[in-house]
Amino acid sequence: MPAFETLSVTLEDAVAIVRLNRPDKLNAMNLSMWNDLRSAFQFLDGLPAARAIVLEGEGRGFTAGIDLQMMMGLGSQIQNDCDGRMRESLRRIILDLQDCLTSLERCRKPVLAAVHGACVGGGIDLICCADMRYCSADAWFSIKEIDIGMTADVGTLQRLPKLIGDGMARELAYTARKVDAAEAKDIRLVNRVFETPEALREGVRAIAAEIATKAPLAVRGVKEMITYARDHSVADGLNYVATWNAAMLMSADLQAAMMAGMSKTTPSFKD
């Protein structure tokens, strides 16, 4: 595994664990962490042995969101005597930060976010890119950008309405109010609430481990199709999956699964 400045990345059997690792800063997302996230998920996308990925935070919470020191340093990064070029530089920085988080969606492997404690601001942008979200009973969530006078700009406002509905997403974005674990489940932000952070880790890793036993090519196809269907019509989605299966269906995975079903044994799949 490569080393990262702000993340720890490990592989346990076929499940990769990506852990935000700035616990003394409540895992605040500095520039290194944004870039590390993209590098880590690019690496895991290309690592055949990783079949599912769990994303979690070290220490007492998941993340406090974007590092405010990073925000305050943007002015010096974009400084230019031409106002137009300065604004263009800021736009390019925002687009690059968006791309860092979109790396979770581009990764072919399912990403399961496991949230304990605080998940604030940029943390919401981050978990909205995951395939599924889970939390412990002590977790809380807040779209905090409105309270520092800015419009959230790296994915929450685009992805969250498709997860919890337009009206609730607007309420949370306009007010920045806290959402506790019970409400997060009620509004379908998370799939399941675990009693403790320890139970959360164990439970989410068990789900990831089960996914890792399935046919990898089929799992990757499911992710591709659901993500595509989110942003396209039903007709477009049906056409795409027909093309996908025309290319991918006749695989060694299909043969292994069918043979195992006939012999009532556990199938073994190539990474």
C-alpha atoms as a PDB file:
ATOM      1  CA  MET A   1       0.000   0.000   0.000  1.00  0.00           C
ATOM      2  CA  PRO A   2       1.250   3.514  -0.761  1.00  0.00           C
ATOM      3  CA  ALA A   3       1.713   5.916   2.152  1.00  0.00           C
ATOM      4  CA  PHE A   4      -0.449   9.023   2.417  1.00  0.00           C
ATOM      5  CA  GLU A   5       0.097  12.111   4.537  1.00  0.00           C
ATOM      6  CA  THR A   6      -3.503  12.420   5.784  1.00  0.00           C
ATOM      7  CA  LEU A   7      -4.994   8.958   5.275  1.00  0.00           C
ATOM      8  CA  SER A   8      -4.264   5.437   6.379  1.00  0.00           C
ATOM      9  CA  VAL A   9      -5.084   2.791   3.782  1.00  0.00           C
ATOM     10  CA  THR A  10      -5.055  -0.913   4.570  1.00  0.00           C
ATOM     11  CA  LEU A  11      -6.330  -4.071   2.951  1.00  0.00           C
ATOM     12  CA  GLU A  12      -8.000  -6.725   5.083  1.00  0.00           C
ATOM     13  CA  ASP A  13      -8.774  -9.761   2.951  1.00  0.00           C
ATOM     14  CA  ALA A  14     -10.576  -8.173  -0.015  1.00  0.00           C
ATOM     15  CA  VAL A  15     -11.819  -5.069   1.834  1.00  0.00           C
ATOM     16  CA  ALA A  16      -9.804  -1.840   1.719  1.00  0.00           C
ATOM     17  CA  ILE A  17     -10.082   0.489   4.725  1.00  0.00           C
ATOM     18  CA  VAL A  18      -9.524   4.184   3.973  1.00  0.00           C
ATOM     19  CA  ARG A  19      -9.316   6.178   7.207  1.00  0.00           C
ATOM     20  CA  LEU A  20      -9.191   9.968   7.461  1.00  0.00           C
ATOM     21  CA  ASN A  21      -6.178  10.419   9.692  1.00  0.00           C
ATOM     22  CA  ARG A  22      -5.861  13.914  11.167  1.00  0.00           C
ATOM     23  CA  PRO A  23      -7.466  13.142  14.537  1.00  0.00           C
ATOM     24  CA  ASP A  24      -5.860  16.120  16.296  1.00  0.00           C
ATOM     25  CA  LYS A  25      -7.722  18.375  13.818  1.00  0.00           C
ATOM     26  CA  LEU A  26     -10.959  16.316  13.896  1.00  0.00           C
ATOM     27  CA  ASN A  27      -9.933  15.120  10.432  1.00  0.00           C
ATOM     28  CA  ALA A  28     -10.376  18.601   8.953  1.00  0.00           C
ATOM     29  CA  MET A  29      -9.921  18.360   5.200  1.00  0.00           C
ATOM     30  CA  ASN A  30      -6.759  20.278   4.277  1.00  0.00           C
ATOM     31  CA  LEU A  31      -5.408  20.398   0.726  1.00  0.00           C
ATOM     32  CA  SER A  32      -3.271  17.314   1.284  1.00  0.00           C
ATOM     33  CA  MET A  33      -6.318  15.303   2.330  1.00  0.00           C
ATOM     34  CA  TRP A  34      -8.304  16.315  -0.763  1.00  0.00           C
ATOM     35  CA  ASN A  35      -5.436  15.204  -2.997  1.00  0.00           C
ATOM     36  CA  ASP A  36      -4.797  12.069  -0.920  1.00  0.00           C
ATOM     37  CA  LEU A  37      -8.428  11.022  -1.304  1.00  0.00           C
ATOM     38  CA  ARG A  38      -8.192  11.210  -5.081  1.00  0.00           C
ATOM     39  CA  SER A  39      -4.870   9.360  -5.135  1.00  0.00           C
ATOM     40  CA  ALA A  40      -6.120   6.656  -2.767  1.00  0.00           C
ATOM     41  CA  PHE A  41      -9.302   5.948  -4.676  1.00  0.00           C
ATOM     42  CA  GLN A  42      -7.474   5.959  -7.998  1.00  0.00           C
ATOM     43  CA  PHE A  43      -5.044   3.450  -6.536  1.00  0.00           C
ATOM     44  CA  LEU A  44      -7.799   1.214  -5.120  1.00  0.00           C
ATOM     45  CA  ASP A  45      -9.740   1.380  -8.377  1.00  0.00           C
ATOM     46  CA  GLY A  46      -6.764  -0.254 -10.070  1.00  0.00           C
ATOM     47  CA  LEU A  47      -5.980  -2.734  -7.279  1.00  0.00           C
ATOM     48  CA  PRO A  48      -7.639  -6.055  -8.226  1.00  0.00           C
ATOM     49  CA  ALA A  49      -7.384  -7.452  -4.681  1.00  0.00           C
ATOM     50  CA  ALA A  50      -9.621  -4.664  -3.307  1.00  0.00           C
ATOM     51  CA  ARG A  51     -13.226  -5.598  -3.979  1.00  0.00           C
ATOM     52  CA  ALA A  52     -14.979  -3.168  -1.599  1.00  0.00           C
ATOM     53  CA  ILE A  53     -13.878  -0.071   0.310  1.00  0.00           C
ATOM     54  CA  VAL A  54     -14.824   1.251   3.756  1.00  0.00           C
ATOM     55  CA  LEU A  55     -14.305   4.975   4.405  1.00  0.00           C
ATOM     56  CA  GLU A  56     -14.069   6.012   8.061  1.00  0.00           C
ATOM     57  CA  GLY A  57     -12.479   8.575  10.355  1.00  0.00           C
ATOM     58  CA  GLU A  58      -9.785   8.255  13.014  1.00  0.00           C
ATOM     59  CA  GLY A  59     -10.355   9.676  16.499  1.00  0.00           C
ATOM     60  CA  ARG A  60     -13.470  11.219  18.012  1.00  0.00           C
ATOM     61  CA  GLY A  61     -15.315  12.099  14.803  1.00  0.00           C
ATOM     62  CA  PHE A  62     -15.550  11.519  11.081  1.00  0.00           C
ATOM     63  CA  THR A  63     -14.587  15.019   9.910  1.00  0.00           C
ATOM     64  CA  ALA A  64     -15.037  18.677  10.801  1.00  0.00           C
ATOM     65  CA  GLY A  65     -15.163  19.461   7.060  1.00  0.00           C
ATOM     66  CA  ILE A  66     -12.886  21.717   5.070  1.00  0.00           C
ATOM     67  CA  ASP A  67      -9.882  23.058   6.950  1.00  0.00           C
ATOM     68  CA  LEU A  68     -10.492  26.776   7.527  1.00  0.00           C
ATOM     69  CA  GLN A  69      -6.771  27.527   7.234  1.00  0.00           C
ATOM     70  CA  MET A  70      -6.937  26.122   3.729  1.00  0.00           C
ATOM     71  CA  MET A  71      -9.883  28.411   2.991  1.00  0.00           C
ATOM     72  CA  MET A  72      -8.031  31.459   4.288  1.00  0.00           C
ATOM     73  CA  GLY A  73      -5.012  30.599   2.138  1.00  0.00           C
ATOM     74  CA  LEU A  74      -6.928  30.634  -1.135  1.00  0.00           C
ATOM     75  CA  GLY A  75      -6.433  34.374  -1.616  1.00  0.00           C
ATOM     76  CA  SER A  76      -2.673  34.080  -1.924  1.00  0.00           C
ATOM     77  CA  GLN A  77      -2.991  31.136  -4.329  1.00  0.00           C
ATOM     78  CA  ILE A  78      -5.153  33.002  -6.813  1.00  0.00           C
ATOM     79  CA  GLN A  79      -3.501  36.438  -6.554  1.00  0.00           C
ATOM     80  CA  ASN A  80      -3.247  38.164  -9.920  1.00  0.00           C
ATOM     81  CA  ASP A  81      -3.334  41.795 -11.053  1.00  0.00           C
ATOM     82  CA  CYS A  82      -6.030  40.793 -13.562  1.00  0.00           C
ATOM     83  CA  ASP A  83      -9.382  40.258 -11.860  1.00  0.00           C
ATOM     84  CA  GLY A  84     -10.606  37.912 -14.582  1.00  0.00           C
ATOM     85  CA  ARG A  85      -7.564  35.650 -14.274  1.00  0.00           C
ATOM     86  CA  MET A  86      -7.884  35.636 -10.493  1.00  0.00           C
ATOM     87  CA  ARG A  87     -11.513  34.475 -10.729  1.00  0.00           C
ATOM     88  CA  GLU A  88     -10.547  31.880 -13.322  1.00  0.00           C
ATOM     89  CA  SER A  89      -7.909  30.514 -10.928  1.00  0.00           C
ATOM     90  CA  LEU A  90     -10.473  30.220  -8.141  1.00  0.00           C
ATOM     91  CA  ARG A  91     -12.856  28.399 -10.470  1.00  0.00           C
ATOM     92  CA  ARG A  92     -10.128  25.937 -11.400  1.00  0.00           C
ATOM     93  CA  ILE A  93      -9.395  25.268  -7.719  1.00  0.00           C
ATOM     94  CA  ILE A  94     -13.077  24.574  -7.020  1.00  0.00           C
ATOM     95  CA  LEU A  95     -13.326  22.247 -10.016  1.00  0.00           C
ATOM     96  CA  ASP A  96     -10.238  20.380  -8.838  1.00  0.00           C
ATOM     97  CA  LEU A  97     -11.673  19.930  -5.324  1.00  0.00           C
ATOM     98  CA  GLN A  98     -14.886  18.621  -6.885  1.00  0.00           C
ATOM     99  CA  ASP A  99     -12.844  16.136  -8.870  1.00  0.00           C
ATOM    100  CA  CYS A 100     -11.070  14.920  -5.727  1.00  0.00           C
ATOM    101  CA  LEU A 101     -14.415  13.811  -4.268  1.00  0.00           C
ATOM    102  CA  THR A 102     -15.823  12.530  -7.551  1.00  0.00           C
ATOM    103  CA  SER A 103     -12.956  10.024  -7.470  1.00  0.00           C
ATOM    104  CA  LEU A 104     -15.151   7.980  -5.078  1.00  0.00           C
ATOM    105  CA  GLU A 105     -17.825   7.711  -7.770  1.00  0.00           C
ATOM    106  CA  ARG A 106     -15.302   6.982 -10.499  1.00  0.00           C
ATOM    107  CA  CYS A 107     -13.798   4.166  -8.436  1.00  0.00           C
ATOM    108  CA  ARG A 108     -15.318   0.923  -9.715  1.00  0.00           C
ATOM    109  CA  LYS A 109     -15.433  -0.622  -6.240  1.00  0.00           C
ATOM    110  CA  PRO A 110     -18.378   0.013  -3.866  1.00  0.00           C
ATOM    111  CA  VAL A 111     -17.546   2.611  -1.195  1.00  0.00           C
ATOM    112  CA  LEU A 112     -19.229   2.297   2.211  1.00  0.00           C
ATOM    113  CA  ALA A 113     -18.979   5.410   4.428  1.00  0.00           C
ATOM    114  CA  ALA A 114     -18.959   4.707   8.182  1.00  0.00           C
ATOM    115  CA  VAL A 115     -19.627   7.924  10.123  1.00  0.00           C
ATOM    116  CA  HIS A 116     -19.172   8.456  13.857  1.00  0.00           C
ATOM    117  CA  GLY A 117     -19.272  11.762  15.697  1.00  0.00           C
ATOM    118  CA  ALA A 118     -19.282  14.926  13.609  1.00  0.00           C
ATOM    119  CA  CYS A 119     -19.737  14.961   9.840  1.00  0.00           C
ATOM    120  CA  VAL A 120     -19.778  18.614   8.846  1.00  0.00           C
ATOM    121  CA  GLY A 121     -19.577  20.717   5.685  1.00  0.00           C
ATOM    122  CA  GLY A 122     -17.155  19.073   3.285  1.00  0.00           C
ATOM    123  CA  GLY A 123     -17.784  15.792   5.074  1.00  0.00           C
ATOM    124  CA  ILE A 124     -21.333  15.811   3.685  1.00  0.00           C
ATOM    125  CA  ASP A 125     -19.938  16.411   0.193  1.00  0.00           C
ATOM    126  CA  LEU A 126     -17.625  13.450   0.769  1.00  0.00           C
ATOM    127  CA  ILE A 127     -20.159  10.909   1.998  1.00  0.00           C
ATOM    128  CA  CYS A 128     -22.645  11.854  -0.722  1.00  0.00           C
ATOM    129  CA  CYS A 129     -20.109  10.404  -3.174  1.00  0.00           C
ATOM    130  CA  ALA A 130     -20.122   7.021  -1.402  1.00  0.00           C
ATOM    131  CA  ASP A 131     -22.334   4.144  -2.521  1.00  0.00           C
ATOM    132  CA  MET A 132     -23.843   3.689   0.942  1.00  0.00           C
ATOM    133  CA  ARG A 133     -23.687   5.525   4.247  1.00  0.00           C
ATOM    134  CA  TYR A 134     -23.889   4.119   7.791  1.00  0.00           C
ATOM    135  CA  CYS A 135     -23.428   5.798  11.157  1.00  0.00           C
ATOM    136  CA  SER A 136     -23.180   5.206  14.887  1.00  0.00           C
ATOM    137  CA  ALA A 137     -25.742   6.574  17.340  1.00  0.00           C
ATOM    138  CA  ASP A 138     -23.426   9.456  18.314  1.00  0.00           C
ATOM    139  CA  ALA A 139     -23.130  10.741  14.741  1.00  0.00           C
ATOM    140  CA  TRP A 140     -24.451  14.105  13.631  1.00  0.00           C
ATOM    141  CA  PHE A 141     -24.494  15.883  10.306  1.00  0.00           C
ATOM    142  CA  SER A 142     -24.569  19.541   9.231  1.00  0.00           C
ATOM    143  CA  ILE A 143     -24.316  21.332   5.887  1.00  0.00           C
ATOM    144  CA  LYS A 144     -22.355  24.119   7.516  1.00  0.00           C
ATOM    145  CA  GLU A 145     -21.335  26.281   4.556  1.00  0.00           C
ATOM    146  CA  ILE A 146     -24.266  28.706   4.896  1.00  0.00           C
ATOM    147  CA  ASP A 147     -22.977  29.653   8.364  1.00  0.00           C
ATOM    148  CA  ILE A 148     -19.675  30.883   6.946  1.00  0.00           C
ATOM    149  CA  GLY A 149     -21.426  32.848   4.217  1.00  0.00           C
ATOM    150  CA  MET A 150     -20.853  30.579   1.254  1.00  0.00           C
ATOM    151  CA  THR A 151     -22.758  28.252  -1.048  1.00  0.00           C
ATOM    152  CA  ALA A 152     -21.655  24.630  -0.758  1.00  0.00           C
ATOM    153  CA  ASP A 153     -19.783  23.996  -3.998  1.00  0.00           C
ATOM    154  CA  VAL A 154     -18.191  20.546  -4.128  1.00  0.00           C
ATOM    155  CA  GLY A 155     -21.178  18.221  -4.501  1.00  0.00           C
ATOM    156  CA  THR A 156     -23.690  18.320  -1.630  1.00  0.00           C
ATOM    157  CA  LEU A 157     -26.227  20.495  -3.435  1.00  0.00           C
ATOM    158  CA  GLN A 158     -26.016  18.317  -6.546  1.00  0.00           C
ATOM    159  CA  ARG A 159     -26.043  14.851  -4.934  1.00  0.00           C
ATOM    160  CA  LEU A 160     -27.935  15.163  -1.656  1.00  0.00           C
ATOM    161  CA  PRO A 161     -31.371  16.003  -3.165  1.00  0.00           C
ATOM    162  CA  LYS A 162     -31.202  12.720  -5.066  1.00  0.00           C
ATOM    163  CA  LEU A 163     -30.567  10.874  -1.795  1.00  0.00           C
ATOM    164  CA  ILE A 164     -33.030  12.514   0.605  1.00  0.00           C
ATOM    165  CA  GLY A 165     -35.345  14.543  -1.633  1.00  0.00           C
ATOM    166  CA  ASP A 166     -35.386  18.155  -2.743  1.00  0.00           C
ATOM    167  CA  GLY A 167     -37.331  19.698   0.140  1.00  0.00           C
ATOM    168  CA  MET A 168     -35.302  18.184   2.972  1.00  0.00           C
ATOM    169  CA  ALA A 169     -32.003  18.914   1.214  1.00  0.00           C
ATOM    170  CA  ARG A 170     -33.057  22.559   0.881  1.00  0.00           C
ATOM    171  CA  GLU A 171     -34.016  22.777   4.554  1.00  0.00           C
ATOM    172  CA  LEU A 172     -30.676  21.407   5.710  1.00  0.00           C
ATOM    173  CA  ALA A 173     -28.669  23.575   3.300  1.00  0.00           C
ATOM    174  CA  TYR A 174     -30.564  26.771   4.162  1.00  0.00           C
ATOM    175  CA  THR A 175     -30.440  26.286   7.946  1.00  0.00           C
ATOM    176  CA  ALA A 176     -27.206  24.337   8.650  1.00  0.00           C
ATOM    177  CA  ARG A 177     -29.077  22.652  11.503  1.00  0.00           C
ATOM    178  CA  LYS A 178     -27.768  19.452  13.051  1.00  0.00           C
ATOM    179  CA  VAL A 179     -29.223  16.124  11.999  1.00  0.00           C
ATOM    180  CA  ASP A 180     -28.756  13.346  14.538  1.00  0.00           C
ATOM    181  CA  ALA A 181     -28.349   9.664  13.713  1.00  0.00           C
ATOM    182  CA  ALA A 182     -32.024   8.787  14.137  1.00  0.00           C
ATOM    183  CA  GLU A 183     -33.151  11.558  11.792  1.00  0.00           C
ATOM    184  CA  ALA A 184     -30.389  10.702   9.324  1.00  0.00           C
ATOM    185  CA  LYS A 185     -31.869   7.221   9.039  1.00  0.00           C
ATOM    186  CA  ASP A 186     -35.412   8.565   8.889  1.00  0.00           C
ATOM    187  CA  ILE A 187     -34.599  10.822   5.922  1.00  0.00           C
ATOM    188  CA  ARG A 188     -32.579   8.016   4.286  1.00  0.00           C
ATOM    189  CA  LEU A 189     -29.236   9.752   4.473  1.00  0.00           C
ATOM    190  CA  VAL A 190     -27.881   6.587   6.099  1.00  0.00           C
ATOM    191  CA  ASN A 191     -28.922   2.974   5.602  1.00  0.00           C
ATOM    192  CA  ARG A 192     -28.468   1.867   9.184  1.00  0.00           C
ATOM    193  CA  VAL A 193     -27.536   3.165  12.640  1.00  0.00           C
ATOM    194  CA  PHE A 194     -25.214   1.152  14.890  1.00  0.00           C
ATOM    195  CA  GLU A 195     -25.185   1.629  18.653  1.00  0.00           C
ATOM    196  CA  THR A 196     -21.485   2.427  19.056  1.00  0.00           C
ATOM    197  CA  PRO A 197     -18.547   3.405  16.827  1.00  0.00           C
ATOM    198  CA  GLU A 198     -17.065  -0.048  17.473  1.00  0.00           C
ATOM    199  CA  ALA A 199     -20.291  -1.745  16.352  1.00  0.00           C
ATOM    200  CA  LEU A 200     -20.335   0.558  13.318  1.00  0.00           C
ATOM    201  CA  ARG A 201     -16.860  -0.499  12.227  1.00  0.00           C
ATOM    202  CA  GLU A 202     -17.610  -4.160  12.735  1.00  0.00           C
ATOM    203  CA  GLY A 203     -20.995  -3.980  11.029  1.00  0.00           C
ATOM    204  CA  VAL A 204     -19.896  -1.997   7.992  1.00  0.00           C
ATOM    205  CA  ARG A 205     -16.839  -4.169   7.465  1.00  0.00           C
ATOM    206  CA  ALA A 206     -19.109  -7.218   7.563  1.00  0.00           C
ATOM    207  CA  ILE A 207     -21.306  -5.716   4.836  1.00  0.00           C
ATOM    208  CA  ALA A 208     -18.229  -4.867   2.775  1.00  0.00           C
ATOM    209  CA  ALA A 209     -16.879  -8.386   3.288  1.00  0.00           C
ATOM    210  CA  GLU A 210     -20.146  -9.853   2.010  1.00  0.00           C
ATOM    211  CA  ILE A 211     -19.997  -7.653  -1.090  1.00  0.00           C
ATOM    212  CA  ALA A 212     -16.416  -8.826  -1.602  1.00  0.00           C
ATOM    213  CA  THR A 213     -17.628 -12.437  -1.940  1.00  0.00           C
ATOM    214  CA  LYS A 214     -19.765 -11.575  -4.972  1.00  0.00           C
ATOM    215  CA  ALA A 215     -18.680 -11.674  -8.602  1.00  0.00           C
ATOM    216  CA  PRO A 216     -16.375  -8.627  -8.973  1.00  0.00           C
ATOM    217  CA  LEU A 217     -17.286  -7.867 -12.571  1.00  0.00           C
ATOM    218  CA  ALA A 218     -20.993  -7.962 -11.713  1.00  0.00           C
ATOM    219  CA  VAL A 219     -20.482  -5.725  -8.662  1.00  0.00           C
ATOM    220  CA  ARG A 220     -18.632  -3.199 -10.775  1.00  0.00           C
ATOM    221  CA  GLY A 221     -21.451  -3.339 -13.317  1.00  0.00           C
ATOM    222  CA  VAL A 222     -24.077  -2.675 -10.643  1.00  0.00           C
ATOM    223  CA  LYS A 223     -22.206   0.436  -9.493  1.00  0.00           C
ATOM    224  CA  GLU A 224     -21.787   1.668 -13.044  1.00  0.00           C
ATOM    225  CA  MET A 225     -25.483   1.174 -13.856  1.00  0.00           C
ATOM    226  CA  ILE A 226     -26.947   2.730 -10.694  1.00  0.00           C
ATOM    227  CA  THR A 227     -24.678   5.771 -10.912  1.00  0.00           C
ATOM    228  CA  TYR A 228     -25.498   6.192 -14.598  1.00  0.00           C
ATOM    229  CA  ALA A 229     -29.246   5.789 -14.019  1.00  0.00           C
ATOM    230  CA  ARG A 230     -29.218   8.569 -11.403  1.00  0.00           C
ATOM    231  CA  ASP A 231     -28.422  11.164 -14.066  1.00  0.00           C
ATOM    232  CA  HIS A 232     -30.163   9.676 -17.122  1.00  0.00           C
ATOM    233  CA  SER A 233     -33.609   8.566 -18.247  1.00  0.00           C
ATOM    234  CA  VAL A 234     -34.894   5.028 -17.757  1.00  0.00           C
ATOM    235  CA  ALA A 235     -34.613   4.466 -21.504  1.00  0.00           C
ATOM    236  CA  ASP A 236     -30.983   5.594 -21.484  1.00  0.00           C
ATOM    237  CA  GLY A 237     -30.224   3.342 -18.519  1.00  0.00           C
ATOM    238  CA  LEU A 238     -31.827   0.304 -20.136  1.00  0.00           C
ATOM    239  CA  ASN A 239     -29.898   0.894 -23.337  1.00  0.00           C
ATOM    240  CA  TYR A 240     -26.625   1.212 -21.435  1.00  0.00           C
ATOM    241  CA  VAL A 241     -27.107  -1.948 -19.371  1.00  0.00           C
ATOM    242  CA  ALA A 242     -27.994  -3.893 -22.527  1.00  0.00           C
ATOM    243  CA  THR A 243     -24.725  -2.746 -24.100  1.00  0.00           C
ATOM    244  CA  TRP A 244     -22.807  -3.462 -20.883  1.00  0.00           C
ATOM    245  CA  ASN A 245     -24.115  -7.016 -20.592  1.00  0.00           C
ATOM    246  CA  ALA A 246     -23.605  -7.654 -24.276  1.00  0.00           C
ATOM    247  CA  ALA A 247     -19.933  -7.012 -23.531  1.00  0.00           C
ATOM    248  CA  MET A 248     -19.550  -8.373 -19.990  1.00  0.00           C
ATOM    249  CA  LEU A 249     -22.189 -11.048 -19.385  1.00  0.00           C
ATOM    250  CA  MET A 250     -20.359 -14.044 -20.846  1.00  0.00           C
ATOM    251  CA  SER A 251     -17.641 -13.968 -18.212  1.00  0.00           C
ATOM    252  CA  ALA A 252     -15.771 -16.436 -16.054  1.00  0.00           C
ATOM    253  CA  ASP A 253     -17.728 -14.974 -13.120  1.00  0.00           C
ATOM    254  CA  LEU A 254     -21.022 -16.078 -14.644  1.00  0.00           C
ATOM    255  CA  GLN A 255     -19.738 -19.594 -15.246  1.00  0.00           C
ATOM    256  CA  ALA A 256     -18.306 -19.860 -11.719  1.00  0.00           C
ATOM    257  CA  ALA A 257     -21.549 -18.644 -10.127  1.00  0.00           C
ATOM    258  CA  MET A 258     -23.703 -21.019 -12.186  1.00  0.00           C
ATOM    259  CA  MET A 259     -21.482 -24.012 -11.498  1.00  0.00           C
ATOM    260  CA  ALA A 260     -21.446 -23.242  -7.772  1.00  0.00           C
ATOM    261  CA  GLY A 261     -25.226 -22.953  -7.772  1.00  0.00           C
ATOM    262  CA  MET A 262     -25.617 -26.323  -9.430  1.00  0.00           C
ATOM    263  CA  SER A 263     -23.158 -28.031  -7.070  1.00  0.00           C
ATOM    264  CA  LYS A 264     -24.342 -26.087  -3.987  1.00  0.00           C
ATOM    265  CA  THR A 265     -20.803 -24.887  -3.256  1.00  0.00           C
ATOM    266  CA  THR A 266     -19.331 -21.438  -2.649  1.00  0.00           C
ATOM    267  CA  PRO A 267     -18.090 -19.847  -5.870  1.00  0.00           C
ATOM    268  CA  SER A 268     -14.560 -18.522  -6.199  1.00  0.00           C
ATOM    269  CA  PHE A 269     -14.010 -15.525  -8.439  1.00  0.00           C
ATOM    270  CA  LYS A 270     -10.947 -14.025 -10.052  1.00  0.00           C
ATOM    271  CA  ASP A 271     -10.112 -10.541  -8.752  1.00  0.00           C
END
